C-alpha atoms as a PDB file:
ATOM      1  CA  MET A   1     275.395 221.244 251.191  1.00  0.00           C
ATOM      2  CA  GLU A   2     276.592 217.639 251.477  1.00  0.00           C
ATOM      3  CA  GLU A   3     273.065 216.636 252.502  1.00  0.00           C
ATOM      4  CA  LYS A   4     271.705 218.447 249.438  1.00  0.00           C
ATOM      5  CA  ILE A   5     274.185 216.608 247.191  1.00  0.00           C
ATOM      6  CA  LEU A   6     273.270 213.265 248.780  1.00  0.00           C
ATOM      7  CA  ASN A   7     269.574 214.012 248.213  1.00  0.00           C
ATOM      8  CA  THR A   8     270.318 214.769 244.537  1.00  0.00           C
ATOM      9  CA  ILE A   9     272.267 211.511 244.242  1.00  0.00           C
ATOM     10  CA  ILE A  10     269.382 209.501 245.723  1.00  0.00           C
ATOM     11  CA  LYS A  11     266.635 211.418 243.875  1.00  0.00           C
ATOM     12  CA  TYR A  12     268.167 210.793 240.442  1.00  0.00           C
ATOM     13  CA  ASN A  13     269.859 207.484 241.290  1.00  0.00           C
ATOM     14  CA  LEU A  14     273.231 208.922 240.272  1.00  0.00           C
ATOM     15  CA  ILE A  15     275.437 206.604 242.346  1.00  0.00           C
ATOM     16  CA  GLU A  16     274.720 202.972 243.219  1.00  0.00           C
ATOM     17  CA  ASN A  17     276.479 200.405 245.379  1.00  0.00           C
ATOM     18  CA  GLY A  18     279.591 199.110 243.621  1.00  0.00           C
ATOM     19  CA  ASP A  19     280.067 202.136 241.355  1.00  0.00           C
ATOM     20  CA  LYS A  20     283.580 203.330 240.592  1.00  0.00           C
ATOM     21  CA  LEU A  21     283.686 207.039 239.818  1.00  0.00           C
ATOM     22  CA  VAL A  22     286.153 209.098 237.797  1.00  0.00           C
ATOM     23  CA  VAL A  23     285.871 212.641 239.162  1.00  0.00           C
ATOM     24  CA  GLY A  24     287.088 215.550 237.042  1.00  0.00           C
ATOM     25  CA  VAL A  25     288.880 218.009 239.338  1.00  0.00           C
ATOM     26  CA  SER A  26     290.343 221.305 238.128  1.00  0.00           C
ATOM     27  CA  GLY A  27     291.239 222.617 241.572  1.00  0.00           C
ATOM     28  CA  GLY A  28     288.582 225.343 241.497  1.00  0.00           C
ATOM     29  CA  PRO A  29     285.770 225.782 244.067  1.00  0.00           C
ATOM     30  CA  ASP A  30     283.212 223.628 242.218  1.00  0.00           C
ATOM     31  CA  SER A  31     285.351 220.538 241.681  1.00  0.00           C
ATOM     32  CA  ILE A  32     287.103 220.703 245.074  1.00  0.00           C
ATOM     33  CA  ALA A  33     283.743 221.051 246.832  1.00  0.00           C
ATOM     34  CA  LEU A  34     282.424 218.118 244.782  1.00  0.00           C
ATOM     35  CA  LEU A  35     285.403 215.900 245.592  1.00  0.00           C
ATOM     36  CA  ASN A  36     285.373 216.755 249.308  1.00  0.00           C
ATOM     37  CA  SER A  37     281.621 216.117 249.489  1.00  0.00           C
ATOM     38  CA  LEU A  38     281.882 212.753 247.717  1.00  0.00           C
ATOM     39  CA  ILE A  39     284.699 211.658 250.043  1.00  0.00           C
ATOM     40  CA  ASN A  40     282.605 212.556 253.103  1.00  0.00           C
ATOM     41  CA  ILE A  41     279.456 210.916 251.676  1.00  0.00           C
ATOM     42  CA  LYS A  42     281.493 207.776 250.909  1.00  0.00           C
ATOM     43  CA  GLN A  43     282.710 207.610 254.515  1.00  0.00           C
ATOM     44  CA  LYS A  44     279.104 207.528 255.747  1.00  0.00           C
ATOM     45  CA  GLU A  45     278.716 204.221 253.821  1.00  0.00           C
ATOM     46  CA  ILE A  46     275.104 204.948 252.889  1.00  0.00           C
ATOM     47  CA  ILE A  47     276.209 204.060 249.374  1.00  0.00           C
ATOM     48  CA  LYS A  48     279.363 202.004 248.770  1.00  0.00           C
ATOM     49  CA  PHE A  49     281.447 203.344 245.893  1.00  0.00           C
ATOM     50  CA  GLU A  50     285.041 204.103 244.891  1.00  0.00           C
ATOM     51  CA  ILE A  51     286.639 207.333 243.673  1.00  0.00           C
ATOM     52  CA  VAL A  52     289.574 208.168 241.390  1.00  0.00           C
ATOM     53  CA  VAL A  53     290.443 211.708 240.287  1.00  0.00           C
ATOM     54  CA  CYS A  54     291.417 213.171 236.918  1.00  0.00           C
ATOM     55  CA  HIS A  55     293.121 216.520 236.427  1.00  0.00           C
ATOM     56  CA  ILE A  56     294.098 217.900 233.033  1.00  0.00           C
ATOM     57  CA  ASN A  57     296.507 220.805 232.665  1.00  0.00           C
ATOM     58  CA  HIS A  58     295.650 222.797 229.498  1.00  0.00           C
ATOM     59  CA  MET A  59     299.045 224.537 229.673  1.00  0.00           C
ATOM     60  CA  ILE A  60     297.502 227.923 228.836  1.00  0.00           C
ATOM     61  CA  ARG A  61     297.945 229.868 232.086  1.00  0.00           C
ATOM     62  CA  GLN A  62     301.036 230.228 234.311  1.00  0.00           C
ATOM     63  CA  GLU A  63     298.952 229.228 237.352  1.00  0.00           C
ATOM     64  CA  ALA A  64     298.069 225.869 235.762  1.00  0.00           C
ATOM     65  CA  ILE A  65     301.090 224.018 237.199  1.00  0.00           C
ATOM     66  CA  GLU A  66     300.304 225.377 240.671  1.00  0.00           C
ATOM     67  CA  GLU A  67     296.702 224.143 240.282  1.00  0.00           C
ATOM     68  CA  GLU A  68     297.939 220.723 239.145  1.00  0.00           C
ATOM     69  CA  GLU A  69     300.180 220.417 242.212  1.00  0.00           C
ATOM     70  CA  PHE A  70     297.325 221.569 244.468  1.00  0.00           C
ATOM     71  CA  VAL A  71     295.001 218.826 243.159  1.00  0.00           C
ATOM     72  CA  LYS A  72     297.720 216.172 243.542  1.00  0.00           C
ATOM     73  CA  TYR A  73     298.430 217.286 247.124  1.00  0.00           C
ATOM     74  CA  PHE A  74     294.711 217.447 248.003  1.00  0.00           C
ATOM     75  CA  CYS A  75     294.165 213.907 246.703  1.00  0.00           C
ATOM     76  CA  LYS A  76     297.256 212.555 248.444  1.00  0.00           C
ATOM     77  CA  ASN A  77     296.050 214.114 251.697  1.00  0.00           C
ATOM     78  CA  LYS A  78     292.627 212.467 251.233  1.00  0.00           C
ATOM     79  CA  ASN A  79     294.147 209.145 250.135  1.00  0.00           C
ATOM     80  CA  VAL A  80     292.498 209.287 246.690  1.00  0.00           C
ATOM     81  CA  LYS A  81     294.242 208.087 243.515  1.00  0.00           C
ATOM     82  CA  CYS A  82     294.894 211.007 241.170  1.00  0.00           C
ATOM     83  CA  TYR A  83     295.708 210.900 237.443  1.00  0.00           C
ATOM     84  CA  THR A  84     297.083 214.007 235.760  1.00  0.00           C
ATOM     85  CA  LYS A  85     297.867 214.937 232.168  1.00  0.00           C
ATOM     86  CA  ARG A  86     299.354 217.970 230.435  1.00  0.00           C
ATOM     87  CA  VAL A  87     297.934 218.919 227.033  1.00  0.00           C
ATOM     88  CA  LYS A  88     298.912 221.846 224.807  1.00  0.00           C
ATOM     89  CA  VAL A  89     295.316 222.857 224.103  1.00  0.00           C
ATOM     90  CA  GLU A  90     296.089 226.047 222.159  1.00  0.00           C
ATOM     91  CA  GLN A  91     298.451 224.157 219.850  1.00  0.00           C
ATOM     92  CA  ILE A  92     295.862 221.398 219.223  1.00  0.00           C
ATOM     93  CA  ALA A  93     293.160 224.023 218.605  1.00  0.00           C
ATOM     94  CA  LYS A  94     295.269 225.670 215.889  1.00  0.00           C
ATOM     95  CA  ILE A  95     296.034 222.355 214.193  1.00  0.00           C
ATOM     96  CA  GLU A  96     292.389 221.238 214.277  1.00  0.00           C
ATOM     97  CA  LYS A  97     291.123 224.760 213.451  1.00  0.00           C
ATOM     98  CA  CYS A  98     288.795 224.678 216.435  1.00  0.00           C
ATOM     99  CA  GLY A  99     288.101 227.091 219.311  1.00  0.00           C
ATOM    100  CA  THR A 100     290.315 226.849 222.396  1.00  0.00           C
ATOM    101  CA  GLU A 101     287.323 226.393 224.717  1.00  0.00           C
ATOM    102  CA  GLU A 102     285.826 223.559 222.647  1.00  0.00           C
ATOM    103  CA  THR A 103     289.225 221.877 222.227  1.00  0.00           C
ATOM    104  CA  GLY A 104     289.789 222.016 225.982  1.00  0.00           C
ATOM    105  CA  ARG A 105     286.406 220.420 226.610  1.00  0.00           C
ATOM    106  CA  LYS A 106     287.095 217.657 224.073  1.00  0.00           C
ATOM    107  CA  GLU A 107     290.516 216.900 225.576  1.00  0.00           C
ATOM    108  CA  ARG A 108     289.054 216.804 229.114  1.00  0.00           C
ATOM    109  CA  TYR A 109     286.395 214.257 228.225  1.00  0.00           C
ATOM    110  CA  LYS A 110     288.877 212.214 226.206  1.00  0.00           C
ATOM    111  CA  PHE A 111     291.146 211.979 229.263  1.00  0.00           C
ATOM    112  CA  LEU A 112     288.229 211.204 231.593  1.00  0.00           C
ATOM    113  CA  ASN A 113     287.155 208.350 229.310  1.00  0.00           C
ATOM    114  CA  ASP A 114     290.734 207.049 229.042  1.00  0.00           C
ATOM    115  CA  ILE A 115     290.989 206.843 232.843  1.00  0.00           C
ATOM    116  CA  LEU A 116     287.489 205.336 233.006  1.00  0.00           C
ATOM    117  CA  LYS A 117     288.746 202.402 230.919  1.00  0.00           C
ATOM    118  CA  LYS A 118     292.152 202.210 232.594  1.00  0.00           C
ATOM    119  CA  THR A 119     290.654 201.949 236.106  1.00  0.00           C
ATOM    120  CA  ASN A 120     287.627 199.809 235.135  1.00  0.00           C
ATOM    121  CA  SER A 121     285.374 202.594 236.383  1.00  0.00           C
ATOM    122  CA  ASN A 122     281.787 202.971 235.193  1.00  0.00           C
ATOM    123  CA  LYS A 123     280.815 206.631 235.738  1.00  0.00           C
ATOM    124  CA  ILE A 124     282.301 210.067 235.097  1.00  0.00           C
ATOM    125  CA  VAL A 125     281.511 212.841 237.574  1.00  0.00           C
ATOM    126  CA  THR A 126     281.729 216.520 236.644  1.00  0.00           C
ATOM    127  CA  ALA A 127     281.241 219.576 238.846  1.00  0.00           C
ATOM    128  CA  HIS A 128     278.632 221.492 236.847  1.00  0.00           C
ATOM    129  CA  ASN A 129     276.360 223.456 239.181  1.00  0.00           C
ATOM    130  CA  ALA A 130     273.042 225.339 239.025  1.00  0.00           C
ATOM    131  CA  ASN A 131     274.742 228.519 237.794  1.00  0.00           C
ATOM    132  CA  ASP A 132     276.533 226.638 235.011  1.00  0.00           C
ATOM    133  CA  ASN A 133     273.184 225.208 233.961  1.00  0.00           C
ATOM    134  CA  ALA A 134     271.486 228.625 233.932  1.00  0.00           C
ATOM    135  CA  GLU A 135     274.349 230.047 231.846  1.00  0.00           C
ATOM    136  CA  THR A 136     274.053 227.185 229.364  1.00  0.00           C
ATOM    137  CA  VAL A 137     270.284 227.656 229.007  1.00  0.00           C
ATOM    138  CA  LEU A 138     270.767 231.388 228.365  1.00  0.00           C
ATOM    139  CA  MET A 139     273.484 230.639 225.799  1.00  0.00           C
ATOM    140  CA  ASN A 140     271.147 228.231 224.008  1.00  0.00           C
ATOM    141  CA  ILE A 141     268.267 230.734 224.041  1.00  0.00           C
ATOM    142  CA  ILE A 142     270.533 233.381 222.507  1.00  0.00           C
ATOM    143  CA  ARG A 143     271.539 230.895 219.787  1.00  0.00           C
ATOM    144  CA  GLY A 144     267.886 230.135 218.991  1.00  0.00           C
ATOM    145  CA  SER A 145     267.742 226.618 220.428  1.00  0.00           C
ATOM    146  CA  GLY A 146     264.621 224.448 220.731  1.00  0.00           C
ATOM    147  CA  ILE A 147     263.382 222.492 223.753  1.00  0.00           C
ATOM    148  CA  GLY A 148     266.554 220.399 223.759  1.00  0.00           C
ATOM    149  CA  GLY A 149     268.608 223.521 224.464  1.00  0.00           C
ATOM    150  CA  LEU A 150     266.335 224.554 227.331  1.00  0.00           C
ATOM    151  CA  LYS A 151     267.270 221.319 229.101  1.00  0.00           C
ATOM    152  CA  GLY A 152     270.696 222.813 229.711  1.00  0.00           C
ATOM    153  CA  ILE A 153     273.249 220.557 231.399  1.00  0.00           C
ATOM    154  CA  GLU A 154     271.579 217.264 232.251  1.00  0.00           C
ATOM    155  CA  ILE A 155     272.051 215.858 235.753  1.00  0.00           C
ATOM    156  CA  LYS A 156     272.537 212.422 234.232  1.00  0.00           C
ATOM    157  CA  ARG A 157     273.451 211.598 230.639  1.00  0.00           C
ATOM    158  CA  ASP A 158     274.743 208.174 229.635  1.00  0.00           C
ATOM    159  CA  ASN A 159     277.578 207.456 232.119  1.00  0.00           C
ATOM    160  CA  ILE A 160     278.131 211.115 233.099  1.00  0.00           C
ATOM    161  CA  ILE A 161     276.635 212.342 236.383  1.00  0.00           C
ATOM    162  CA  ARG A 162     276.528 215.823 237.939  1.00  0.00           C
ATOM    163  CA  PRO A 163     275.725 215.711 241.690  1.00  0.00           C
ATOM    164  CA  LEU A 164     276.303 219.487 242.081  1.00  0.00           C
ATOM    165  CA  ARG A 165     273.682 220.449 239.483  1.00  0.00           C
ATOM    166  CA  GLU A 166     271.168 221.567 242.129  1.00  0.00           C
ATOM    167  CA  CYS A 167     273.711 223.580 244.144  1.00  0.00           C
ATOM    168  CA  SER A 168     274.311 227.265 243.452  1.00  0.00           C
ATOM    169  CA  ARG A 169     277.730 228.862 243.115  1.00  0.00           C
ATOM    170  CA  ASP A 170     277.092 230.846 246.313  1.00  0.00           C
ATOM    171  CA  GLU A 171     276.428 227.622 248.253  1.00  0.00           C
ATOM    172  CA  ILE A 172     279.604 226.059 246.851  1.00  0.00           C
ATOM    173  CA  GLU A 173     281.785 229.036 247.752  1.00  0.00           C
ATOM    174  CA  GLU A 174     280.325 229.123 251.268  1.00  0.00           C
ATOM    175  CA  TYR A 175     280.995 225.362 251.636  1.00  0.00           C
ATOM    176  CA  CYS A 176     284.632 225.845 250.593  1.00  0.00           C
ATOM    177  CA  LYS A 177     284.996 228.674 253.097  1.00  0.00           C
ATOM    178  CA  LEU A 178     283.430 226.752 256.002  1.00  0.00           C
ATOM    179  CA  ASN A 179     285.549 223.659 255.290  1.00  0.00           C
ATOM    180  CA  ILE A 180     288.762 225.685 254.715  1.00  0.00           C
ATOM    181  CA  LEU A 181     289.330 223.980 251.345  1.00  0.00           C
ATOM    182  CA  ASN A 182     291.194 226.948 249.816  1.00  0.00           C
ATOM    183  CA  PRO A 183     290.449 226.120 246.172  1.00  0.00           C
ATOM    184  CA  LYS A 184     292.347 227.761 243.331  1.00  0.00           C
ATOM    185  CA  ILE A 185     290.630 230.548 241.403  1.00  0.00           C
ATOM    186  CA  ASP A 186     290.891 230.593 237.611  1.00  0.00           C
ATOM    187  CA  LYS A 187     291.209 234.317 236.848  1.00  0.00           C
ATOM    188  CA  SER A 188     290.311 233.733 233.193  1.00  0.00           C
ATOM    189  CA  ASN A 189     286.702 233.199 234.355  1.00  0.00           C
ATOM    190  CA  PHE A 190     286.537 236.951 234.985  1.00  0.00           C
ATOM    191  CA  GLU A 191     287.726 237.869 231.476  1.00  0.00           C
ATOM    192  CA  ASN A 192     284.774 238.696 229.246  1.00  0.00           C
ATOM    193  CA  ILE A 193     286.197 237.061 226.130  1.00  0.00           C
ATOM    194  CA  TYR A 194     283.999 234.000 225.762  1.00  0.00           C
ATOM    195  CA  THR A 195     280.196 234.090 225.492  1.00  0.00           C
ATOM    196  CA  ARG A 196     279.772 232.109 228.726  1.00  0.00           C
ATOM    197  CA  ASN A 197     281.893 234.588 230.676  1.00  0.00           C
ATOM    198  CA  LYS A 198     279.888 237.514 229.307  1.00  0.00           C
ATOM    199  CA  ILE A 199     276.653 235.794 230.381  1.00  0.00           C
ATOM    200  CA  ARG A 200     278.111 234.979 233.810  1.00  0.00           C
ATOM    201  CA  ASN A 201     279.739 238.336 234.529  1.00  0.00           C
ATOM    202  CA  MET A 202     277.500 240.768 232.653  1.00  0.00           C
ATOM    203  CA  LEU A 203     274.083 239.415 231.649  1.00  0.00           C
ATOM    204  CA  ILE A 204     273.083 237.464 234.775  1.00  0.00           C
ATOM    205  CA  PRO A 205     274.120 240.251 237.218  1.00  0.00           C
ATOM    206  CA  TYR A 206     272.139 242.724 235.084  1.00  0.00           C
ATOM    207  CA  ILE A 207     269.024 240.485 235.150  1.00  0.00           C
ATOM    208  CA  LYS A 208     269.437 239.996 238.912  1.00  0.00           C
ATOM    209  CA  SER A 209     269.645 243.744 239.524  1.00  0.00           C
ATOM    210  CA  ASN A 210     266.912 244.865 237.142  1.00  0.00           C
ATOM    211  CA  PHE A 211     264.451 241.986 236.715  1.00  0.00           C
ATOM    212  CA  ASN A 212     264.708 238.920 238.927  1.00  0.00           C
ATOM    213  CA  PRO A 213     267.158 238.383 241.824  1.00  0.00           C
ATOM    214  CA  ASN A 214     266.257 234.660 241.747  1.00  0.00           C
ATOM    215  CA  ILE A 215     267.035 234.211 238.047  1.00  0.00           C
ATOM    216  CA  ILE A 216     269.302 231.177 238.650  1.00  0.00           C
ATOM    217  CA  SER A 217     266.605 229.141 240.416  1.00  0.00           C
ATOM    218  CA  GLY A 218     264.019 230.349 237.886  1.00  0.00           C
ATOM    219  CA  ILE A 219     266.043 229.174 234.893  1.00  0.00           C
ATOM    220  CA  ASN A 220     266.757 225.861 236.601  1.00  0.00           C
ATOM    221  CA  ARG A 221     262.999 225.298 237.078  1.00  0.00           C
ATOM    222  CA  LEU A 222     262.556 225.988 233.357  1.00  0.00           C
ATOM    223  CA  SER A 223     265.383 223.553 232.625  1.00  0.00           C
ATOM    224  CA  ASN A 224     263.762 220.790 234.695  1.00  0.00           C
ATOM    225  CA  LEU A 225     260.371 221.295 233.010  1.00  0.00           C
ATOM    226  CA  ALA A 226     261.980 221.273 229.558  1.00  0.00           C
ATOM    227  CA  THR A 227     263.775 218.023 230.445  1.00  0.00           C
ATOM    228  CA  GLN A 228     260.483 216.366 231.472  1.00  0.00           C
ATOM    229  CA  GLU A 229     258.706 217.514 228.296  1.00  0.00           C
ATOM    230  CA  ASP A 230     261.617 216.514 226.076  1.00  0.00           C
ATOM    231  CA  GLU A 231     261.740 213.039 227.623  1.00  0.00           C
ATOM    232  CA  TYR A 232     257.969 212.646 227.127  1.00  0.00           C
ATOM    233  CA  LEU A 233     258.134 213.711 223.465  1.00  0.00           C
ATOM    234  CA  GLU A 234     261.118 211.447 222.856  1.00  0.00           C
ATOM    235  CA  LYS A 235     259.193 208.514 224.314  1.00  0.00           C
ATOM    236  CA  LYS A 236     256.170 209.301 222.115  1.00  0.00           C
ATOM    237  CA  ALA A 237     258.427 209.549 219.067  1.00  0.00           C
ATOM    238  CA  GLU A 238     259.953 206.146 219.818  1.00  0.00           C
ATOM    239  CA  GLU A 239     256.503 204.575 220.209  1.00  0.00           C
ATOM    240  CA  THR A 240     255.274 206.136 216.953  1.00  0.00           C
ATOM    241  CA  TYR A 241     258.462 205.139 215.120  1.00  0.00           C
ATOM    242  CA  LYS A 242     257.726 201.490 215.904  1.00  0.00           C
ATOM    243  CA  THR A 243     254.302 201.789 214.216  1.00  0.00           C
ATOM    244  CA  LEU A 244     255.896 203.215 211.057  1.00  0.00           C
ATOM    245  CA  ILE A 245     258.630 200.647 210.400  1.00  0.00           C
ATOM    246  CA  GLU A 246     258.169 198.706 207.166  1.00  0.00           C
ATOM    247  CA  GLU A 247     261.691 197.319 206.848  1.00  0.00           C
ATOM    248  CA  LYS A 248     264.819 197.430 208.970  1.00  0.00           C
ATOM    249  CA  GLN A 249     268.165 196.126 207.750  1.00  0.00           C
ATOM    250  CA  GLU A 250     271.769 196.867 208.691  1.00  0.00           C
ATOM    251  CA  THR A 251     272.179 199.371 205.845  1.00  0.00           C
ATOM    252  CA  TYR A 252     268.709 200.907 205.670  1.00  0.00           C
ATOM    253  CA  ILE A 253     265.398 201.559 207.420  1.00  0.00           C
ATOM    254  CA  ALA A 254     262.085 202.080 205.592  1.00  0.00           C
ATOM    255  CA  LEU A 255     259.091 203.891 207.139  1.00  0.00           C
ATOM    256  CA  ASN A 256     255.479 204.063 205.944  1.00  0.00           C
ATOM    257  CA  LEU A 257     255.189 207.339 204.020  1.00  0.00           C
ATOM    258  CA  LYS A 258     251.395 207.760 204.288  1.00  0.00           C
ATOM    259  CA  LYS A 259     251.323 207.259 208.068  1.00  0.00           C
ATOM    260  CA  PHE A 260     254.308 209.599 208.480  1.00  0.00           C
ATOM    261  CA  ASN A 261     252.614 212.402 206.530  1.00  0.00           C
ATOM    262  CA  LEU A 262     249.569 212.267 208.828  1.00  0.00           C
ATOM    263  CA  LEU A 263     251.657 213.076 211.913  1.00  0.00           C
ATOM    264  CA  GLU A 264     252.106 216.446 213.628  1.00  0.00           C
ATOM    265  CA  THR A 265     255.289 218.285 212.653  1.00  0.00           C
ATOM    266  CA  VAL A 266     256.767 218.146 216.174  1.00  0.00           C
ATOM    267  CA  ILE A 267     256.628 214.329 216.106  1.00  0.00           C
ATOM    268  CA  LYS A 268     257.845 214.167 212.496  1.00  0.00           C
ATOM    269  CA  ASN A 269     260.959 216.119 213.503  1.00  0.00           C
ATOM    270  CA  ARG A 270     261.768 213.718 216.295  1.00  0.00           C
ATOM    271  CA  ILE A 271     261.023 210.560 214.301  1.00  0.00           C
ATOM    272  CA  LEU A 272     263.401 211.644 211.546  1.00  0.00           C
ATOM    273  CA  LEU A 273     266.173 212.286 214.065  1.00  0.00           C
ATOM    274  CA  TYR A 274     265.373 209.081 215.956  1.00  0.00           C
ATOM    275  CA  THR A 275     265.488 206.998 212.748  1.00  0.00           C
ATOM    276  CA  ILE A 276     268.761 208.543 211.593  1.00  0.00           C
ATOM    277  CA  ASN A 277     270.284 207.841 214.999  1.00  0.00           C
ATOM    278  CA  GLU A 278     268.987 204.242 214.911  1.00  0.00           C
ATOM    279  CA  LEU A 279     270.645 203.658 211.548  1.00  0.00           C
ATOM    280  CA  ILE A 280     274.023 205.395 211.812  1.00  0.00           C
ATOM    281  CA  GLY A 281     274.366 205.837 215.589  1.00  0.00           C
ATOM    282  CA  THR A 282     274.370 209.631 215.590  1.00  0.00           C
ATOM    283  CA  LYS A 283     272.188 212.587 214.660  1.00  0.00           C
ATOM    284  CA  ASN A 284     274.996 215.113 214.889  1.00  0.00           C
ATOM    285  CA  SER A 285     275.308 217.485 211.915  1.00  0.00           C
ATOM    286  CA  ILE A 286     271.633 216.962 211.047  1.00  0.00           C
ATOM    287  CA  GLU A 287     270.360 220.529 211.182  1.00  0.00           C
ATOM    288  CA  LYS A 288     266.885 222.060 211.342  1.00  0.00           C
ATOM    289  CA  LYS A 289     267.064 222.893 207.615  1.00  0.00           C
ATOM    290  CA  HIS A 290     267.783 219.229 206.759  1.00  0.00           C
ATOM    291  CA  ILE A 291     264.737 218.090 208.751  1.00  0.00           C
ATOM    292  CA  GLU A 292     262.505 220.698 207.077  1.00  0.00           C
ATOM    293  CA  ASP A 293     263.731 219.601 203.633  1.00  0.00           C
ATOM    294  CA  ILE A 294     263.031 215.925 204.408  1.00  0.00           C
ATOM    295  CA  ILE A 295     259.499 216.702 205.639  1.00  0.00           C
ATOM    296  CA  LYS A 296     258.869 218.715 202.464  1.00  0.00           C
ATOM    297  CA  LEU A 297     260.196 215.853 200.327  1.00  0.00           C
ATOM    298  CA  CYS A 298     257.831 213.436 202.096  1.00  0.00           C
ATOM    299  CA  SER A 299     254.790 215.711 201.760  1.00  0.00           C
ATOM    300  CA  ASN A 300     255.377 216.117 198.000  1.00  0.00           C
ATOM    301  CA  ASN A 301     255.095 212.312 197.764  1.00  0.00           C
ATOM    302  CA  ILE A 302     257.013 212.005 194.479  1.00  0.00           C
ATOM    303  CA  GLY A 303     258.746 208.656 193.963  1.00  0.00           C
ATOM    304  CA  ASN A 304     262.483 208.241 193.386  1.00  0.00           C
ATOM    305  CA  LYS A 305     263.298 211.676 194.824  1.00  0.00           C
ATOM    306  CA  TYR A 306     266.080 211.840 197.402  1.00  0.00           C
ATOM    307  CA  LEU A 307     268.121 214.075 199.691  1.00  0.00           C
ATOM    308  CA  ILE A 308     271.611 213.663 201.130  1.00  0.00           C
ATOM    309  CA  PRO A 309     271.685 215.625 204.447  1.00  0.00           C
ATOM    310  CA  ASN A 310     275.297 214.598 205.018  1.00  0.00           C
ATOM    311  CA  LYS A 311     277.848 212.115 203.673  1.00  0.00           C
ATOM    312  CA  LYS A 312     276.663 209.359 206.040  1.00  0.00           C
ATOM    313  CA  ILE A 313     273.005 209.109 205.030  1.00  0.00           C
ATOM    314  CA  LYS A 314     270.623 209.345 202.079  1.00  0.00           C
ATOM    315  CA  ILE A 315     266.830 209.844 202.307  1.00  0.00           C
ATOM    316  CA  LEU A 316     264.847 208.342 199.407  1.00  0.00           C
ATOM    317  CA  ILE A 317     261.086 208.309 198.654  1.00  0.00           C
ATOM    318  CA  LYS A 318     260.182 205.111 196.811  1.00  0.00           C
ATOM    319  CA  ASN A 319     257.245 202.669 196.697  1.00  0.00           C
ATOM    320  CA  LYS A 320     255.275 204.766 199.221  1.00  0.00           C
ATOM    321  CA  LYS A 321     258.069 204.432 201.752  1.00  0.00           C
ATOM    322  CA  ILE A 322     260.739 206.688 203.244  1.00  0.00           C
ATOM    323  CA  PHE A 323     264.097 204.976 202.921  1.00  0.00           C
ATOM    324  CA  PHE A 324     266.928 205.972 205.261  1.00  0.00           C
ATOM    325  CA  ILE A 325     270.050 204.571 203.601  1.00  0.00           C
ATOM    326  CA  ALA A 326     273.494 204.507 205.205  1.00  0.00           C
ATOM    327  CA  ASN A 327     276.230 205.673 202.822  1.00  0.00           C
END
């Protein structure tokens, strides 16, 4: 499996000479296998990089302290610097009126980024595997996602890398067994409370038994194809966007309305999102309905009409241009 991970690292250029990695380690099979593999790959000196470990205790389960101590001991034994933090996730979730799972995820990445800065590291490493990716794709399909959702969990996004993304859960568990790693098992993963757990424990086994025993690899092929197509369409949208720009200032961007209206809808969708992101640095909270309303506004071609998709941006049709104005 280590050879497979190294091939993934080289194939996607995940780790380069001089990188300093912050590895998220829960103590479970995935993250312990990831950490052990990275330590062994580092010792081969094919690529020269450094490792520090992060462990966050969500303080939800009684076993959490035992898992925290296990990670600290494992790192000490491997001579790897380990940073730990305890966070009352359930309490924060209630205050912020957010789901426990989402709050836990947010707190994990916040801690990983804090340690990234503290240690002058440049990349975050998480232990998402092929099964995690398949589960995410299925979740997105159920929610009615577009191509972006079919991409699943990206192997590389910004400064986050996932060297285990091409390894299955079976391979990881076998690796842990062969290397006598004795990872901790989070029993909550077997409780069918959250959607992901239901997909993992109920839906995927049912599909394996009744339709396709190789469903994990099949979904991951779909995910890779969707990623390639999404990247191509995003590149085309960026190229087209550049041909539409009439004005670009700090507080607004204006596009040529006539040229925009001649485009195919799939490119229009992406150009609107791309432009919004260019202006305000995010396209979060811009929903499908907002995009449809903006396209309709543009096709009606009536001057001085506007929409406010959210409190950060205003879309105005004026002087045969589409104005994206930051609020």
